[in-house]
Amino acid sequence: MKKTPSTFGNLNKKQLLQKAVRPFGVLLVFIMICAFLAQYLTGSETLQDYARNNPELAYGDSGMEPEPASPEIVDNTESTNDTQVIADSETSDESPAYNKQEESEPDSPDTVSADSLVSEEEVTDMTANSERTTYQDGFYYEPLSDTVKQRITGISYPKDGCTVPYEDLNYVGLLYIDFNGETQDGELICHKDIAPDIVEIFYELYKNDYRIERIRLIDEYNGDDTQSMLDNNTSCFNYRVVDGTDKLSKHAYGCAVDINPFYNPYVVFNKDGSGETYISPQGSEIYADRTLDFPYKIDENDLCYKLFISHGFTWGGNWNSSKDYQHFQIVLD
């Protein structure tokens, strides 16, 4: 029987190897072409990137999920200042979104730190400021804050026996022109019902360059009216009696103001009219003679006089048995 020659019989080993490898070469070329087409069609993405970014196309309904991408490593040493600023602003606790969340979701009492707690005194001060009435820049009045109460209690406001409640008084902030022509901050305490008049009067004095040496709470003189007058201090509230009597002064109600008192002294005459018997403060005797012309004298031609009278006050310079040239007072209904 005649044998049919084998196809591989006539081939040497080299030819056999080439014949065996050729399919793999074709397959490799095919894979490279597919990779090239995939990268071309999906931009710069690799097949892995494409699969990760398009799981519904790469994995279909198999339920498989792509592996998470490794975190991007940023070299801060090569970043620009602008980039750092942007990064800081996006992570800062001061961003609008953070502040809004803080406002809408305040910390519970269990998480509030001791440093963030507001004292009762500060709450009262803020309440007083929230009730502040501003007449002009630098001129305002408000209820007494706890800070002010602490300043005056035991001095101009007795701890015991004071018949005037804190609630009847207002703190007044104002500006004035001192004897050197410089603007200064002043403060008074007065009855709340005349606080609007007080800020209006002192605003007009300020606007007209009226000179006042100083305006301080009398508490800075330990509540001593004589010491305040000696320092030519303009003042208002002081829970005290009329000098030389046991009768409460209008100052005790915050309804009287003394202006430049050293140049406008308090004078009490003898009952028989024989002359002055008492002048206060000591050293101001020369200014008791109102026929003289001197600076800071209050008379009926003075702007201060005209303003207080127009607001319903009376002037101590018009009294009969005594003269209180520094003094303006008002009687409330």
Foldseek 3Di string as FASTA:
>chain_A
DDDDDDPCPVPDPVVVVCVVCVVVVVVVVVVVVVQVVVCVVVPNDGPLRVCQVCVCVNVPPPPDHRDDDDDDDDDVVPDDPVVVVVVCQVPPCPHPVNVVCCVVPPDDPVPDDPVPDDDPQVVQVVVQVVQWDAPDVQWIKTQDGPVNCVLPDVFLNDVPDQPADSRQKIKIWHWAQEPVRDIDIAIAIAGPVCSVLVSVLRVVCRVVRNHAHGHYECVVVSLDPQVCLVVQYKYAAGAACDPPDRHTDLSPRRFKIFTSDLLFWKWAPDPVRPGTDDTPDPPSVVSVPVVDDDPPFDDCVDSSNVSLVVVAWDAQCPDDRIRRRRMIGHDDD
